[in-house]
Amino acid sequence: MTADDDQTSAVLTEINSLINEIVQKYGSPPVDVTMDTLFHSELELESIDLVTLGVMLAARYGDQVSMAEFLSDKDLADVIGLRVGQVVDYVVSRLDVATAVD
């Protein structure tokens, strides 16, 4: 496993935890997300839940991770078809940029 794989795995684990905090508020049982898990059709999360996840990600990783920025160029179909892996890849890319600047 490479350092990139380790970071991707760590971010996926963190996002899994955050998603479980969100679904718990709805009284849903815990979920185990993968890179291919769909936010809308599999997790049944709505756009407001993505906003909540974005706030949680910014609190965890800092301002360099902006869900609003990530979603800004996506149309409705892209948001409906959004996979957890796309968010993981975005977070990892933003962390890589922050590390390169440091």
Protein backbone atom coordinates (compact mmCIF):
# COMPACT_ATOMS: atom_id res chain seq x y z
CA MET A 1 0.00 0.00 0.00
CA THR A 2 1.40 3.41 -0.97
CA ALA A 3 1.24 6.65 1.00
CA ASP A 4 -1.49 7.83 -1.40
CA ASP A 5 -3.48 4.66 -0.74
CA ASP A 6 -3.02 5.16 3.00
CA GLN A 7 -4.27 8.74 2.77
CA THR A 8 -7.23 7.75 0.60
CA SER A 9 -8.11 4.97 3.05
CA ALA A 10 -7.83 7.35 6.01
CA VAL A 11 -10.06 9.96 4.34
CA LEU A 12 -12.61 7.27 3.39
CA THR A 13 -12.66 6.08 7.00
CA GLU A 14 -13.19 9.65 8.23
CA ILE A 15 -15.95 10.34 5.71
CA ASN A 16 -17.61 7.04 6.65
CA SER A 17 -17.65 8.22 10.26
CA LEU A 18 -19.08 11.62 9.32
CA ILE A 19 -21.78 10.07 7.14
CA ASN A 20 -22.74 7.80 10.03
CA GLU A 21 -23.14 10.86 12.26
CA ILE A 22 -25.54 12.29 9.67
CA VAL A 23 -27.61 9.12 9.14
CA GLN A 24 -27.81 8.55 12.89
CA LYS A 25 -29.75 11.82 13.18
CA TYR A 26 -32.44 10.21 11.01
CA GLY A 27 -32.56 7.14 13.22
CA SER A 28 -31.02 5.01 10.49
CA PRO A 29 -28.71 2.11 11.28
CA PRO A 30 -24.96 2.54 10.73
CA VAL A 31 -23.73 2.25 7.16
CA ASP A 32 -20.43 1.06 5.74
CA VAL A 33 -19.60 3.20 2.74
CA THR A 34 -17.18 2.39 -0.06
CA MET A 35 -15.68 4.54 -2.78
CA ASP A 36 -18.59 3.50 -5.03
CA THR A 37 -21.42 4.24 -2.58
CA LEU A 38 -23.93 6.72 -4.01
CA PHE A 39 -25.02 9.53 -1.70
CA HIS A 40 -28.52 9.88 -3.12
CA SER A 41 -29.77 6.47 -4.20
CA GLU A 42 -27.92 4.26 -1.70
CA LEU A 43 -27.55 6.47 1.37
CA GLU A 44 -30.72 8.46 0.64
CA LEU A 45 -28.97 11.70 1.59
CA GLU A 46 -30.39 15.00 0.36
CA SER A 47 -28.57 18.16 -0.70
CA ILE A 48 -28.84 19.62 2.81
CA ASP A 49 -26.99 16.54 4.05
CA LEU A 50 -24.17 17.32 1.61
CA VAL A 51 -24.04 20.83 3.07
CA THR A 52 -23.81 19.31 6.55
CA LEU A 53 -21.06 16.96 5.37
CA GLY A 54 -19.24 19.93 3.86
CA VAL A 55 -19.32 21.80 7.17
CA MET A 56 -18.05 18.71 8.96
CA LEU A 57 -15.24 18.23 6.42
CA ALA A 58 -14.16 21.87 6.75
CA ALA A 59 -14.13 21.52 10.53
CA ARG A 60 -12.00 18.38 10.23
CA TYR A 61 -9.61 19.36 7.43
CA GLY A 62 -9.72 23.15 7.37
CA ASP A 63 -10.80 25.74 4.85
CA GLN A 64 -8.84 24.17 1.98
CA VAL A 65 -11.65 21.58 1.79
CA SER A 66 -14.74 23.39 0.49
CA MET A 67 -17.72 21.26 -0.47
CA ALA A 68 -19.34 24.35 -2.00
CA GLU A 69 -16.34 24.80 -4.28
CA PHE A 70 -16.33 21.10 -5.15
CA LEU A 71 -20.03 21.10 -6.04
CA SER A 72 -20.06 24.49 -7.80
CA ASP A 73 -19.30 23.11 -11.27
CA LYS A 74 -21.66 20.15 -11.01
CA ASP A 75 -25.15 20.05 -12.48
CA LEU A 76 -28.13 18.39 -10.81
CA ALA A 77 -27.51 15.01 -12.46
CA ASP A 78 -23.89 15.06 -11.23
CA VAL A 79 -25.00 15.79 -7.67
CA ILE A 80 -27.67 13.07 -7.77
CA GLY A 81 -25.07 10.59 -9.06
CA LEU A 82 -22.35 11.68 -6.63
CA ARG A 83 -20.26 8.84 -5.22
CA VAL A 84 -18.42 8.88 -1.89
CA GLY A 85 -15.19 8.21 -3.79
CA GLN A 86 -15.52 11.49 -5.67
CA VAL A 87 -15.61 13.38 -2.38
CA VAL A 88 -12.73 11.30 -0.99
CA ASP A 89 -10.64 12.05 -4.10
CA TYR A 90 -11.45 15.75 -3.80
CA VAL A 91 -10.44 15.88 -0.13
CA VAL A 92 -7.20 14.00 -0.82
CA SER A 93 -6.38 16.36 -3.70
CA ARG A 94 -6.96 19.41 -1.49
CA LEU A 95 -4.80 17.93 1.28
CA ASP A 96 -2.06 17.25 -1.28
CA VAL A 97 -2.21 20.90 -2.42
CA ALA A 98 -2.03 22.11 1.19
CA THR A 99 0.96 19.83 1.85
CA ALA A 100 2.73 21.08 -1.29
CA VAL A 101 2.29 24.69 -0.15
CA ASP A 102 3.61 24.03 3.37
